[in-house]
Structure formats: C-alpha cells, structure tokens
N, C-alpha and C. Protein backbone atom coordinates (compact mmCIF):
# COMPACT_ATOMS: atom_id res chain seq x y z
N MET A 1 164.85 88.29 -4.20
CA MET A 1 165.81 89.31 -3.87
C MET A 1 167.18 88.80 -4.31
N ASN A 2 167.80 89.51 -5.23
CA ASN A 2 169.10 89.11 -5.76
C ASN A 2 170.20 89.87 -5.04
N LEU A 3 170.95 89.17 -4.21
CA LEU A 3 172.04 89.78 -3.45
C LEU A 3 173.40 89.47 -4.05
N THR A 4 173.45 88.74 -5.15
CA THR A 4 174.71 88.32 -5.74
C THR A 4 175.66 89.46 -6.02
N PRO A 5 175.21 90.61 -6.54
CA PRO A 5 176.16 91.69 -6.81
C PRO A 5 176.88 92.20 -5.55
N TYR A 6 176.31 91.96 -4.40
CA TYR A 6 176.88 92.48 -3.16
C TYR A 6 177.88 91.52 -2.52
N LEU A 7 178.08 90.34 -3.13
CA LEU A 7 178.99 89.36 -2.55
C LEU A 7 180.45 89.75 -2.69
N SER A 8 180.77 90.54 -3.69
CA SER A 8 182.16 90.93 -3.87
C SER A 8 182.37 92.44 -3.74
N ALA A 9 181.31 93.18 -3.55
CA ALA A 9 181.43 94.63 -3.41
C ALA A 9 181.74 95.00 -1.97
N GLN A 10 182.45 96.09 -1.82
CA GLN A 10 182.69 96.60 -0.48
C GLN A 10 181.49 97.42 -0.07
N GLY A 11 181.27 97.51 1.22
CA GLY A 11 180.15 98.28 1.73
C GLY A 11 179.36 97.48 2.74
N LEU A 12 178.38 98.13 3.31
CA LEU A 12 177.54 97.52 4.34
C LEU A 12 176.19 97.16 3.74
N VAL A 13 175.90 95.87 3.69
CA VAL A 13 174.61 95.37 3.21
C VAL A 13 173.80 95.00 4.44
N VAL A 14 172.62 95.59 4.57
CA VAL A 14 171.75 95.35 5.72
C VAL A 14 170.48 94.65 5.27
N LEU A 15 170.19 93.53 5.91
CA LEU A 15 168.95 92.79 5.67
C LEU A 15 168.07 92.98 6.90
N CYS A 16 166.94 93.64 6.72
CA CYS A 16 166.01 93.90 7.83
C CYS A 16 164.78 93.03 7.66
N GLY A 17 164.26 92.56 8.75
CA GLY A 17 163.04 91.79 8.68
C GLY A 17 162.55 91.38 10.04
N PRO A 18 161.39 90.74 10.07
CA PRO A 18 160.82 90.32 11.34
C PRO A 18 161.61 89.19 11.99
N ARG A 19 162.41 88.47 11.19
CA ARG A 19 163.27 87.41 11.72
C ARG A 19 164.71 87.77 11.38
N ALA A 20 165.62 87.41 12.27
CA ALA A 20 167.02 87.78 12.07
C ALA A 20 167.69 86.96 10.98
N VAL A 21 167.31 85.70 10.85
CA VAL A 21 167.92 84.85 9.84
C VAL A 21 166.82 84.35 8.91
N THR A 22 166.77 84.96 7.75
CA THR A 22 165.76 84.62 6.76
C THR A 22 166.37 83.66 5.74
N PRO A 23 165.55 83.08 4.88
CA PRO A 23 166.12 82.26 3.80
C PRO A 23 167.13 83.04 2.95
N ALA A 24 166.87 84.32 2.72
CA ALA A 24 167.81 85.13 1.93
C ALA A 24 169.16 85.21 2.63
N ALA A 25 169.17 85.36 3.95
CA ALA A 25 170.42 85.43 4.70
C ALA A 25 171.16 84.10 4.62
N HIS A 26 170.44 83.00 4.72
CA HIS A 26 171.08 81.69 4.60
C HIS A 26 171.69 81.49 3.22
N HIS A 27 170.95 81.84 2.18
CA HIS A 27 171.47 81.68 0.82
C HIS A 27 172.68 82.57 0.58
N LEU A 28 172.66 83.75 1.13
CA LEU A 28 173.79 84.66 1.02
C LEU A 28 175.02 84.08 1.72
N LEU A 29 174.82 83.54 2.90
CA LEU A 29 175.92 82.93 3.65
C LEU A 29 176.49 81.73 2.90
N VAL A 30 175.63 80.91 2.32
CA VAL A 30 176.08 79.76 1.53
C VAL A 30 176.89 80.23 0.33
N ALA A 31 176.41 81.25 -0.37
CA ALA A 31 177.13 81.76 -1.54
C ALA A 31 178.51 82.27 -1.15
N LEU A 32 178.62 82.92 0.00
CA LEU A 32 179.92 83.40 0.46
C LEU A 32 180.84 82.24 0.82
N ILE A 33 180.32 81.23 1.50
CA ILE A 33 181.13 80.07 1.88
C ILE A 33 181.64 79.34 0.63
N LEU A 34 180.81 79.25 -0.39
CA LEU A 34 181.24 78.60 -1.62
C LEU A 34 182.38 79.34 -2.29
N ARG A 35 182.48 80.64 -2.05
CA ARG A 35 183.56 81.45 -2.64
C ARG A 35 184.86 81.40 -1.84
N GLY A 36 184.76 81.16 -0.53
CA GLY A 36 185.97 81.13 0.28
C GLY A 36 185.66 81.34 1.75
N ALA A 37 186.64 81.84 2.48
CA ALA A 37 186.52 82.03 3.93
C ALA A 37 185.50 83.12 4.25
N VAL A 38 184.84 82.95 5.40
CA VAL A 38 183.84 83.91 5.88
C VAL A 38 183.96 84.02 7.40
N HIS A 39 183.95 85.26 7.89
CA HIS A 39 183.84 85.50 9.33
C HIS A 39 182.36 85.66 9.64
N LEU A 40 181.84 84.88 10.58
CA LEU A 40 180.43 84.96 10.96
C LEU A 40 180.34 85.28 12.44
N LEU A 41 179.71 86.40 12.76
CA LEU A 41 179.45 86.78 14.14
C LEU A 41 177.95 86.59 14.38
N ASP A 42 177.62 85.67 15.25
CA ASP A 42 176.23 85.41 15.59
C ASP A 42 175.92 86.17 16.88
N ALA A 43 175.34 87.35 16.73
CA ALA A 43 175.10 88.21 17.89
C ALA A 43 173.81 87.89 18.61
N GLY A 44 172.90 87.22 17.95
CA GLY A 44 171.62 86.92 18.58
C GLY A 44 171.38 85.45 18.80
N ASN A 45 172.42 84.64 18.64
CA ASN A 45 172.31 83.18 18.76
C ASN A 45 171.22 82.66 17.83
N ARG A 46 171.28 83.10 16.57
CA ARG A 46 170.23 82.80 15.60
C ARG A 46 170.65 81.83 14.50
N LEU A 47 171.93 81.50 14.42
CA LEU A 47 172.38 80.62 13.35
C LEU A 47 171.64 79.29 13.42
N GLN A 48 171.19 78.83 12.28
CA GLN A 48 170.50 77.55 12.18
C GLN A 48 171.41 76.58 11.43
N PRO A 49 172.26 75.85 12.17
CA PRO A 49 173.27 75.03 11.50
C PRO A 49 172.70 73.94 10.60
N TYR A 50 171.57 73.36 10.97
CA TYR A 50 170.99 72.32 10.13
C TYR A 50 170.53 72.88 8.79
N THR A 51 169.94 74.04 8.81
CA THR A 51 169.52 74.68 7.56
C THR A 51 170.73 75.02 6.70
N LEU A 52 171.76 75.55 7.34
CA LEU A 52 172.98 75.90 6.62
C LEU A 52 173.61 74.66 5.98
N THR A 53 173.70 73.58 6.74
CA THR A 53 174.31 72.34 6.22
C THR A 53 173.47 71.76 5.08
N ARG A 54 172.18 71.80 5.23
CA ARG A 54 171.30 71.29 4.19
C ARG A 54 171.49 72.08 2.89
N LEU A 55 171.61 73.40 3.00
CA LEU A 55 171.82 74.22 1.80
C LEU A 55 173.19 73.96 1.19
N LEU A 56 174.20 73.78 2.02
CA LEU A 56 175.53 73.49 1.49
C LEU A 56 175.56 72.13 0.80
N ARG A 57 174.82 71.18 1.35
CA ARG A 57 174.79 69.83 0.78
C ARG A 57 174.18 69.84 -0.64
N GLN A 58 173.41 70.85 -0.97
CA GLN A 58 172.87 70.95 -2.32
C GLN A 58 173.96 71.22 -3.35
N HIS A 59 175.12 71.72 -2.87
CA HIS A 59 176.22 72.06 -3.77
C HIS A 59 177.31 70.99 -3.80
N THR A 60 177.47 70.27 -2.70
CA THR A 60 178.49 69.24 -2.63
C THR A 60 178.19 68.28 -1.48
N PRO A 61 178.56 67.03 -1.64
CA PRO A 61 178.39 66.10 -0.51
C PRO A 61 179.50 66.25 0.54
N HIS A 62 180.55 66.99 0.19
CA HIS A 62 181.70 67.16 1.08
C HIS A 62 181.60 68.49 1.85
N ILE A 63 180.59 68.59 2.69
CA ILE A 63 180.36 69.86 3.38
C ILE A 63 181.39 70.14 4.46
N GLU A 64 182.08 69.11 4.94
CA GLU A 64 183.10 69.33 5.98
C GLU A 64 184.16 70.30 5.48
N ALA A 65 184.57 70.13 4.23
CA ALA A 65 185.58 71.03 3.65
C ALA A 65 185.07 72.46 3.57
N LEU A 66 183.79 72.61 3.22
CA LEU A 66 183.21 73.95 3.15
C LEU A 66 183.07 74.58 4.53
N LEU A 67 182.70 73.77 5.51
CA LEU A 67 182.51 74.32 6.86
C LEU A 67 183.81 74.79 7.49
N THR A 68 184.95 74.27 7.02
CA THR A 68 186.23 74.77 7.55
C THR A 68 186.49 76.21 7.11
N ARG A 69 185.76 76.67 6.11
CA ARG A 69 185.91 78.06 5.65
C ARG A 69 185.17 79.05 6.55
N LEU A 70 184.28 78.53 7.38
CA LEU A 70 183.44 79.38 8.23
C LEU A 70 184.10 79.58 9.59
N HIS A 71 184.41 80.82 9.91
CA HIS A 71 184.97 81.16 11.21
C HIS A 71 183.84 81.78 12.04
N LEU A 72 183.27 80.99 12.95
CA LEU A 72 182.09 81.40 13.72
C LEU A 72 182.48 81.90 15.10
N GLN A 73 181.92 83.05 15.46
CA GLN A 73 182.06 83.59 16.81
C GLN A 73 180.67 83.98 17.27
N ARG A 74 180.43 83.83 18.56
CA ARG A 74 179.14 84.22 19.13
C ARG A 74 179.38 85.31 20.16
N ALA A 75 178.43 86.22 20.23
CA ALA A 75 178.47 87.29 21.21
C ALA A 75 177.09 87.38 21.85
N PHE A 76 177.07 87.46 23.16
CA PHE A 76 175.80 87.48 23.87
C PHE A 76 175.50 88.84 24.49
N THR A 77 176.48 89.73 24.52
CA THR A 77 176.27 91.07 25.06
C THR A 77 176.79 92.09 24.05
N ALA A 78 176.37 93.32 24.21
CA ALA A 78 176.85 94.38 23.32
C ALA A 78 178.35 94.60 23.50
N HIS A 79 178.84 94.41 24.72
CA HIS A 79 180.28 94.53 24.97
C HIS A 79 181.04 93.46 24.19
N GLN A 80 180.49 92.24 24.13
CA GLN A 80 181.15 91.16 23.39
C GLN A 80 181.11 91.43 21.88
N VAL A 81 180.01 92.00 21.39
CA VAL A 81 179.93 92.35 19.97
C VAL A 81 181.04 93.34 19.63
N LEU A 82 181.19 94.36 20.45
CA LEU A 82 182.24 95.35 20.23
C LEU A 82 183.61 94.71 20.28
N ALA A 83 183.85 93.83 21.24
CA ALA A 83 185.16 93.17 21.37
C ALA A 83 185.48 92.33 20.14
N VAL A 84 184.49 91.61 19.62
CA VAL A 84 184.72 90.79 18.42
C VAL A 84 185.02 91.69 17.23
N LEU A 85 184.26 92.75 17.06
CA LEU A 85 184.50 93.66 15.94
C LEU A 85 185.88 94.30 16.03
N GLU A 86 186.29 94.65 17.24
CA GLU A 86 187.63 95.22 17.43
C GLU A 86 188.72 94.23 17.05
N SER A 87 188.48 92.95 17.32
CA SER A 87 189.50 91.93 17.08
C SER A 87 189.59 91.47 15.62
N LEU A 88 188.54 91.72 14.83
CA LEU A 88 188.56 91.28 13.44
C LEU A 88 189.49 92.16 12.61
N PRO A 89 190.40 91.53 11.86
CA PRO A 89 191.26 92.33 10.99
C PRO A 89 190.51 92.75 9.73
N ALA A 90 190.88 93.88 9.18
CA ALA A 90 190.28 94.36 7.93
C ALA A 90 191.00 93.67 6.79
N THR A 91 190.47 92.52 6.38
CA THR A 91 191.06 91.74 5.28
C THR A 91 190.01 91.58 4.19
N ALA A 92 190.37 90.81 3.18
CA ALA A 92 189.45 90.57 2.06
C ALA A 92 188.41 89.50 2.40
N ILE A 93 188.40 89.01 3.62
CA ILE A 93 187.43 87.99 4.03
C ILE A 93 186.12 88.67 4.40
N PRO A 94 185.01 88.27 3.77
CA PRO A 94 183.72 88.88 4.09
C PRO A 94 183.32 88.61 5.54
N VAL A 95 182.56 89.55 6.09
CA VAL A 95 182.06 89.44 7.46
C VAL A 95 180.54 89.46 7.42
N VAL A 96 179.93 88.51 8.13
CA VAL A 96 178.47 88.45 8.25
C VAL A 96 178.15 88.52 9.73
N VAL A 97 177.22 89.42 10.09
CA VAL A 97 176.78 89.54 11.48
C VAL A 97 175.29 89.26 11.53
N LEU A 98 174.92 88.20 12.22
CA LEU A 98 173.52 87.83 12.35
C LEU A 98 172.90 88.49 13.57
N ASP A 99 171.77 89.12 13.37
CA ASP A 99 171.01 89.79 14.44
C ASP A 99 171.90 90.74 15.25
N PHE A 100 172.55 91.62 14.52
CA PHE A 100 173.55 92.52 15.09
C PHE A 100 173.06 93.26 16.33
N LEU A 101 171.85 93.77 16.30
CA LEU A 101 171.39 94.64 17.39
C LEU A 101 170.75 93.90 18.57
N ALA A 102 170.60 92.60 18.49
CA ALA A 102 169.95 91.85 19.58
C ALA A 102 170.57 92.15 20.95
N PRO A 103 171.90 92.14 21.09
CA PRO A 103 172.47 92.44 22.42
C PRO A 103 172.26 93.90 22.83
N PHE A 104 172.12 94.79 21.86
CA PHE A 104 171.91 96.21 22.16
C PHE A 104 170.47 96.48 22.60
N TYR A 105 169.56 95.57 22.27
CA TYR A 105 168.17 95.70 22.69
C TYR A 105 167.94 95.20 24.11
N ASP A 106 168.92 94.61 24.73
CA ASP A 106 168.79 94.04 26.07
C ASP A 106 168.32 95.12 27.05
N GLU A 107 167.22 94.85 27.74
CA GLU A 107 166.64 95.82 28.67
C GLU A 107 167.54 96.12 29.86
N THR A 108 168.45 95.21 30.19
CA THR A 108 169.34 95.44 31.33
C THR A 108 170.49 96.38 30.96
N LEU A 109 170.67 96.63 29.68
CA LEU A 109 171.70 97.57 29.22
C LEU A 109 171.07 98.95 29.11
N PRO A 110 171.54 99.91 29.91
CA PRO A 110 170.96 101.26 29.83
C PRO A 110 171.08 101.81 28.41
N LEU A 111 170.05 102.51 27.97
CA LEU A 111 170.01 103.03 26.60
C LEU A 111 171.21 103.91 26.26
N PRO A 112 171.64 104.84 27.14
CA PRO A 112 172.81 105.65 26.79
C PRO A 112 174.07 104.79 26.56
N GLN A 113 174.21 103.75 27.35
CA GLN A 113 175.35 102.86 27.18
C GLN A 113 175.22 102.06 25.88
N ALA A 114 174.02 101.62 25.56
CA ALA A 114 173.79 100.90 24.31
C ALA A 114 174.14 101.80 23.11
N LYS A 115 173.74 103.06 23.17
CA LYS A 115 174.05 104.00 22.09
C LYS A 115 175.55 104.22 21.96
N ALA A 116 176.23 104.35 23.09
CA ALA A 116 177.68 104.55 23.06
C ALA A 116 178.40 103.32 22.49
N LEU A 117 177.97 102.15 22.90
CA LEU A 117 178.58 100.92 22.38
C LEU A 117 178.30 100.75 20.89
N LEU A 118 177.10 101.14 20.46
CA LEU A 118 176.78 101.07 19.04
C LEU A 118 177.66 102.02 18.24
N GLN A 119 177.87 103.22 18.73
CA GLN A 119 178.71 104.18 18.02
C GLN A 119 180.14 103.65 17.88
N ARG A 120 180.65 103.04 18.93
CA ARG A 120 182.00 102.45 18.87
C ARG A 120 182.02 101.27 17.90
N SER A 121 180.94 100.50 17.87
CA SER A 121 180.86 99.36 16.95
C SER A 121 180.79 99.84 15.50
N LEU A 122 180.10 100.95 15.26
CA LEU A 122 179.97 101.48 13.90
C LEU A 122 181.33 101.88 13.33
N VAL A 123 182.22 102.33 14.18
CA VAL A 123 183.58 102.68 13.73
C VAL A 123 184.25 101.43 13.15
N HIS A 124 184.08 100.31 13.81
CA HIS A 124 184.69 99.07 13.34
C HIS A 124 183.97 98.51 12.13
N LEU A 125 182.66 98.71 12.04
CA LEU A 125 181.95 98.30 10.84
C LEU A 125 182.44 99.08 9.63
N GLU A 126 182.68 100.37 9.82
CA GLU A 126 183.23 101.21 8.75
C GLU A 126 184.59 100.69 8.31
N ARG A 127 185.43 100.34 9.26
CA ARG A 127 186.77 99.83 8.97
C ARG A 127 186.69 98.51 8.20
N LEU A 128 185.83 97.61 8.65
CA LEU A 128 185.73 96.29 8.04
C LEU A 128 185.14 96.33 6.64
N GLN A 129 184.21 97.24 6.39
CA GLN A 129 183.56 97.29 5.08
C GLN A 129 184.46 97.89 4.01
N GLN A 130 185.57 98.49 4.40
CA GLN A 130 186.49 99.04 3.42
C GLN A 130 187.28 97.96 2.70
N ALA A 131 187.42 96.79 3.33
CA ALA A 131 188.25 95.73 2.77
C ALA A 131 187.46 94.60 2.11
N ALA A 132 186.23 94.39 2.55
CA ALA A 132 185.46 93.24 2.07
C ALA A 132 183.98 93.49 2.28
N PRO A 133 183.12 92.65 1.69
CA PRO A 133 181.68 92.80 1.95
C PRO A 133 181.37 92.60 3.43
N LEU A 134 180.45 93.37 3.91
CA LEU A 134 179.98 93.28 5.29
C LEU A 134 178.47 93.19 5.24
N ILE A 135 177.94 92.07 5.72
CA ILE A 135 176.50 91.82 5.68
C ILE A 135 175.99 91.72 7.10
N VAL A 136 174.93 92.47 7.40
CA VAL A 136 174.36 92.51 8.73
C VAL A 136 172.87 92.24 8.64
N THR A 137 172.35 91.39 9.52
CA THR A 137 170.90 91.20 9.60
C THR A 137 170.38 91.90 10.84
N LEU A 138 169.20 92.47 10.72
CA LEU A 138 168.58 93.23 11.81
C LEU A 138 167.12 92.85 11.97
N THR A 139 166.66 92.96 13.19
CA THR A 139 165.24 92.89 13.47
C THR A 139 164.86 94.17 14.19
N PRO A 140 163.64 94.65 14.00
CA PRO A 140 163.23 95.85 14.72
C PRO A 140 163.11 95.57 16.21
N PRO A 141 163.30 96.60 17.02
CA PRO A 141 163.21 96.39 18.46
C PRO A 141 161.77 96.21 18.92
N SER A 142 161.61 95.48 20.00
CA SER A 142 160.27 95.33 20.58
C SER A 142 159.93 96.54 21.46
N GLN A 143 160.94 97.27 21.89
CA GLN A 143 160.74 98.45 22.73
C GLN A 143 160.92 99.72 21.90
N PRO A 144 159.94 100.59 21.87
CA PRO A 144 160.06 101.82 21.07
C PRO A 144 161.27 102.68 21.45
N ALA A 145 161.71 102.61 22.69
CA ALA A 145 162.85 103.42 23.13
C ALA A 145 164.13 103.03 22.40
N ARG A 146 164.21 101.80 21.90
CA ARG A 146 165.43 101.31 21.22
C ARG A 146 165.37 101.49 19.71
N GLN A 147 164.31 102.10 19.20
CA GLN A 147 164.13 102.30 17.76
C GLN A 147 165.28 103.10 17.16
N SER A 148 165.84 104.04 17.91
CA SER A 148 166.93 104.87 17.38
C SER A 148 168.15 104.03 17.01
N LEU A 149 168.39 102.92 17.72
CA LEU A 149 169.52 102.04 17.40
C LEU A 149 169.30 101.41 16.03
N PHE A 150 168.09 100.94 15.81
CA PHE A 150 167.70 100.32 14.55
C PHE A 150 167.84 101.32 13.39
N THR A 151 167.34 102.52 13.60
CA THR A 151 167.37 103.55 12.57
C THR A 151 168.81 103.95 12.25
N THR A 152 169.64 104.08 13.26
CA THR A 152 171.03 104.47 13.07
C THR A 152 171.76 103.49 12.16
N LEU A 153 171.59 102.23 12.40
CA LEU A 153 172.30 101.23 11.59
C LEU A 153 171.73 101.17 10.17
N ARG A 154 170.44 101.27 10.04
CA ARG A 154 169.83 101.26 8.70
C ARG A 154 170.33 102.42 7.86
N GLN A 155 170.54 103.58 8.48
CA GLN A 155 170.99 104.75 7.74
C GLN A 155 172.43 104.60 7.24
N ARG A 156 173.20 103.75 7.86
CA ARG A 156 174.60 103.53 7.47
C ARG A 156 174.75 102.54 6.32
N ALA A 157 173.67 101.90 5.92
CA ALA A 157 173.74 100.83 4.91
C ALA A 157 174.08 101.37 3.53
N SER A 158 174.96 100.66 2.84
CA SER A 158 175.22 100.94 1.43
C SER A 158 174.08 100.36 0.60
N ALA A 159 173.55 99.24 1.05
CA ALA A 159 172.41 98.59 0.41
C ALA A 159 171.50 98.07 1.51
N LEU A 160 170.22 98.36 1.40
CA LEU A 160 169.24 97.98 2.42
C LEU A 160 168.16 97.12 1.78
N PHE A 161 167.92 95.95 2.38
CA PHE A 161 166.89 95.05 1.90
C PHE A 161 165.91 94.80 3.03
N GLU A 162 164.63 94.99 2.74
CA GLU A 162 163.59 94.80 3.74
C GLU A 162 162.81 93.53 3.43
N GLU A 163 162.75 92.64 4.39
CA GLU A 163 161.93 91.44 4.27
C GLU A 163 160.52 91.82 4.71
N PRO A 164 159.52 91.46 3.94
CA PRO A 164 158.14 91.79 4.35
C PRO A 164 157.71 90.95 5.55
N GLU A 165 156.75 91.47 6.27
CA GLU A 165 156.15 90.72 7.37
C GLU A 165 155.48 89.48 6.78
N PRO A 166 155.63 88.33 7.41
CA PRO A 166 154.95 87.14 6.87
C PRO A 166 153.44 87.28 6.98
N GLU A 167 152.79 86.77 5.96
CA GLU A 167 151.33 86.80 5.95
C GLU A 167 150.81 85.84 7.01
N PRO A 168 149.83 86.24 7.79
CA PRO A 168 149.28 85.31 8.77
C PRO A 168 148.59 84.15 8.07
N ILE A 169 148.75 83.00 8.64
CA ILE A 169 148.13 81.81 8.07
C ILE A 169 146.65 81.83 8.44
N PRO A 170 145.79 81.82 7.42
CA PRO A 170 144.36 81.86 7.74
C PRO A 170 143.94 80.57 8.45
N SER A 171 143.15 80.73 9.43
CA SER A 171 142.66 79.55 10.14
C SER A 171 141.21 79.28 9.71
N GLN A 172 140.90 78.04 9.70
CA GLN A 172 139.57 77.65 9.28
C GLN A 172 138.57 78.00 10.40
N LEU A 173 137.46 78.51 9.99
CA LEU A 173 136.43 78.85 10.96
C LEU A 173 135.85 77.57 11.55
N ARG A 174 135.55 77.63 12.80
CA ARG A 174 134.96 76.47 13.47
C ARG A 174 133.49 76.33 13.12
N LEU A 175 133.09 75.11 12.95
CA LEU A 175 131.67 74.85 12.73
C LEU A 175 131.04 74.60 14.08
N CYS A 176 130.07 75.39 14.42
CA CYS A 176 129.44 75.24 15.74
C CYS A 176 128.12 74.53 15.65
C-alpha cells in the first residue's frame, strides 16, 4: 500500500483494519517525522514506541533529533479527544490520530452522547484537514450498536485504505 502521495496532500486519510496501528501506519508516521513536525494524538493508547524507534533508526542513528519533531498527546475518553482536536491549530503540521474511535466505543458512554461528540469532533477534523494532511486509524467496533460511528468516519475520508484481516496461523494436527 503506497501512502506516499498522501503525505503532502490535504484531506482525511483513513486506515481501517483489525488493528489500530498496523505496519503501514508506522511507516506513514516515520515518513512524516522524517519530513518535519507531526502532531500525534493517541486515542486508543496504541502507539508502539519501540517499533517506531526501530523504524526511525533505519534512517539515522540520531533518533533523538527526530523524536523532538513528534508532539504526542494521549486521550482516554471521547471528551478528551474532542478537547485535543479543539486545541490543535490549523497549521501546515500534519496530524495523525491513532485508533480515533476507541474512546467513542466505550460502553459507559451512552450512544447518543458518543454520536454528538463525534459530530463535534468531525467539525475539527474538517478544519484541520484544510491546512495539512490528516491521517486517522480506525478499528471496527466490537458492538454492532456502535457501527454507525465507524461508518460515519469512513464516509468522510478523502482516501480510505482497508487492511485485510490477518490469515489465521494453521496449527499442526495432533497425532493421537
């Protein structure tokens, strides 16, 4: 999957898959960091720093300098996701949101409130994508009632990439 053309284009790039942070998402994040500053919102606590550092080390042994380009924020609730999006300025700095909908899938958050918070968040996503690339990773909900949240965000994508389900690892039959 070649995401390079989307690194400098404006718009919303959505990566969907069974896992929130795939190798493609890591490579995309590394490519953005190599170009300059990046705002990273980790909404599902999915960032894998060791994987990210290992990938950066393939480009330079001086990863400390590259990591200063990464502005990381974490959000654990849908309210915090909205607050972070509200606080981000619309600049030429790309924004990456890992597992955007994870806080909206929280069963303790009533569905009508989750939908309202998502709609308010979409306003800010629209604002941010006008100035710089905006990349969002998504996983499908485990609860069918929350499927509409997933569908809503996918429909807003300028570019949508679907990661296939991983093939199950065949297990060897037991000899009895």
